[in-house]
Amino acid sequence: MLDDTDRKQFQQVFPQFVSRMTPRGLQRLLDACVKADVRPGYNIFRDRMPTDSVHFILEGEADIFVEQDDRTVPLGKVKAGALLGEISVLSRQLVASSTVQATTRVRSLRLQHQSLELLLTDEEAGPPLLELFSETLASRLQPLAAA
């Protein structure tokens, strides 16, 4: 269960969710989340491995990479304000598309896919969540389309 500090931090780090969701929709989202702490060197996700959640990064940094032909291909870094795991939700494959490894202590709010699916059918939480997840995915694809 989240405390008031976690809820306030989410609202500061993810203002786009606060501005687009109704107070009740935001409350439902936060009620479905749990805190997650990951130490440096540990994986939040592992490429091509099953995953059951999305993460809203509140603090810390992590590297994103894929393993390809016995080599590591770096894809970038994430920090507070990043949403991770939306690809597995939107694709419905429930498999990580990359490895995300903490380089510092990472604090996140974790939302399991099962809870997220219930939220997506909620008339107040669902439409803005789907829209925000889709926008996140689209922003990741834009650099690829420009290349």
Protein backbone atom coordinates (compact mmCIF):
# COMPACT_ATOMS: atom_id res chain seq x y z
CA MET A 1 0.00 0.00 0.00
CA LEU A 2 1.23 3.47 -0.85
CA ASP A 3 1.56 6.22 1.71
CA ASP A 4 0.90 9.93 1.16
CA THR A 5 4.57 10.57 0.35
CA ASP A 6 4.51 7.99 -2.49
CA ARG A 7 1.28 9.46 -3.88
CA LYS A 8 2.65 13.01 -3.80
CA GLN A 9 5.90 11.92 -5.41
CA PHE A 10 3.99 10.18 -8.22
CA GLN A 11 2.01 13.35 -8.81
CA GLN A 12 5.22 15.42 -9.02
CA VAL A 13 7.10 12.99 -11.26
CA PHE A 14 4.15 12.08 -13.52
CA PRO A 15 2.19 15.33 -13.97
CA GLN A 16 0.79 14.10 -17.29
CA PHE A 17 -1.20 11.43 -15.44
CA VAL A 18 -2.47 13.94 -12.89
CA SER A 19 -3.57 16.41 -15.57
CA ARG A 20 -5.34 13.84 -17.77
CA MET A 21 -7.01 11.60 -15.20
CA THR A 22 -9.94 12.38 -12.95
CA PRO A 23 -9.13 12.40 -9.23
CA ARG A 24 -11.05 9.12 -8.84
CA GLY A 25 -9.26 7.53 -11.82
CA LEU A 26 -5.89 8.59 -10.40
CA GLN A 27 -6.89 7.22 -7.00
CA ARG A 28 -7.77 3.86 -8.58
CA LEU A 29 -4.45 3.76 -10.42
CA LEU A 30 -2.44 4.49 -7.27
CA ASP A 31 -4.49 2.06 -5.18
CA ALA A 32 -3.50 -0.69 -7.64
CA CYS A 33 0.25 0.05 -7.42
CA VAL A 34 2.82 -1.25 -4.96
CA LYS A 35 6.26 0.11 -4.14
CA ALA A 36 9.29 -1.55 -5.68
CA ASP A 37 12.95 -0.91 -4.85
CA VAL A 38 15.75 -2.24 -7.01
CA ARG A 39 19.41 -2.12 -6.03
CA PRO A 40 22.16 -1.14 -8.48
CA GLY A 41 23.10 -4.01 -10.79
CA TYR A 42 19.72 -5.74 -10.56
CA ASN A 43 17.33 -6.09 -13.47
CA ILE A 44 13.89 -4.55 -13.50
CA PHE A 45 13.20 -6.43 -16.75
CA ARG A 46 15.21 -8.98 -18.70
CA ASP A 47 15.08 -9.08 -22.51
CA ARG A 48 12.73 -11.75 -23.91
CA MET A 49 11.75 -12.95 -20.44
CA PRO A 50 8.17 -13.03 -19.15
CA THR A 51 6.99 -9.91 -17.38
CA ASP A 52 3.86 -9.24 -15.41
CA SER A 53 3.97 -5.52 -14.66
CA VAL A 54 4.68 -1.96 -15.65
CA HIS A 55 6.84 0.37 -13.59
CA PHE A 56 6.53 4.09 -12.99
CA ILE A 57 10.07 5.22 -12.10
CA LEU A 58 10.03 7.66 -9.18
CA GLU A 59 13.78 7.83 -8.43
CA GLY A 60 17.05 6.52 -9.79
CA GLU A 61 18.54 5.58 -13.14
CA ALA A 62 18.79 2.43 -15.21
CA ASP A 63 20.42 1.32 -18.45
CA ILE A 64 18.36 -0.22 -21.23
CA PHE A 65 19.94 -2.76 -23.59
CA VAL A 66 19.34 -5.90 -25.60
CA GLU A 67 21.53 -8.94 -26.10
CA GLN A 68 22.17 -9.67 -29.75
CA ASP A 69 24.57 -12.27 -31.14
CA ASP A 70 26.61 -12.50 -27.91
CA ARG A 71 26.97 -8.74 -27.63
CA THR A 72 25.22 -6.06 -25.62
CA VAL A 73 23.52 -3.32 -27.62
CA PRO A 74 22.85 -0.23 -25.48
CA LEU A 75 19.53 1.50 -26.14
CA GLY A 76 19.70 4.33 -23.61
CA LYS A 77 19.02 5.27 -20.04
CA VAL A 78 15.89 5.93 -18.04
CA LYS A 79 15.40 8.04 -14.95
CA ALA A 80 12.59 9.42 -12.81
CA GLY A 81 9.46 10.02 -14.89
CA ALA A 82 9.96 7.00 -17.13
CA LEU A 83 7.24 4.44 -17.71
CA LEU A 84 8.56 0.92 -18.32
CA GLY A 85 6.78 -2.18 -19.55
CA GLU A 86 4.05 -0.58 -21.64
CA ILE A 87 5.16 -2.47 -24.75
CA SER A 88 4.41 -5.83 -23.13
CA VAL A 89 0.96 -4.54 -22.15
CA LEU A 90 0.04 -3.00 -25.49
CA SER A 91 1.39 -5.97 -27.47
CA ARG A 92 -0.27 -8.45 -25.07
CA GLN A 93 2.84 -10.63 -25.37
CA LEU A 94 3.84 -10.22 -21.69
CA VAL A 95 7.50 -10.52 -22.61
CA ALA A 96 10.14 -7.84 -22.00
CA SER A 97 11.43 -6.16 -25.15
CA SER A 98 14.75 -5.21 -23.49
CA THR A 99 16.77 -5.54 -20.32
CA VAL A 100 16.47 -2.66 -17.87
CA GLN A 101 19.24 -2.77 -15.26
CA ALA A 102 19.44 -0.36 -12.34
CA THR A 103 22.64 1.72 -12.26
CA THR A 104 21.56 3.43 -9.03
CA ARG A 105 18.91 2.52 -6.49
CA VAL A 106 15.60 2.68 -8.36
CA ARG A 107 12.29 3.34 -6.63
CA SER A 108 9.20 2.69 -8.68
CA LEU A 109 5.52 2.05 -8.43
CA ARG A 110 4.75 -1.37 -9.85
CA LEU A 111 1.41 -2.13 -11.47
CA GLN A 112 0.72 -5.75 -12.32
CA HIS A 113 -0.79 -6.51 -15.72
CA GLN A 114 -3.87 -8.10 -14.19
CA SER A 115 -4.63 -4.93 -12.20
CA LEU A 116 -3.85 -2.80 -15.23
CA GLU A 117 -6.30 -4.76 -17.38
CA LEU A 118 -9.03 -4.04 -14.83
CA LEU A 119 -8.10 -0.35 -14.83
CA LEU A 120 -8.20 -0.21 -18.62
CA THR A 121 -11.87 -1.23 -18.53
CA ASP A 122 -12.67 1.42 -15.91
CA GLU A 123 -14.51 4.35 -17.51
CA GLU A 124 -12.51 6.95 -15.57
CA ALA A 125 -9.05 5.40 -15.51
CA GLY A 126 -9.04 3.38 -18.74
CA PRO A 127 -9.16 5.93 -21.57
CA PRO A 128 -6.46 8.26 -20.20
CA LEU A 129 -4.21 5.32 -19.26
CA LEU A 130 -4.44 3.80 -22.72
CA GLU A 131 -3.82 7.19 -24.30
CA LEU A 132 -0.78 7.90 -22.10
CA PHE A 133 0.69 4.43 -22.66
CA SER A 134 0.19 4.79 -26.42
CA GLU A 135 1.86 8.20 -26.40
CA THR A 136 4.82 6.78 -24.48
CA LEU A 137 5.20 3.99 -27.03
CA ALA A 138 4.87 6.42 -29.95
CA SER A 139 7.55 8.70 -28.50
CA ARG A 140 9.93 5.73 -28.34
CA LEU A 141 9.25 4.86 -31.97
CA GLN A 142 9.75 8.40 -33.32
CA PRO A 143 13.58 8.28 -33.21
CA LEU A 144 13.48 4.96 -35.08
CA ALA A 145 11.24 6.39 -37.80
CA ALA A 146 13.58 9.37 -38.26
CA ALA A 147 16.65 7.14 -38.66
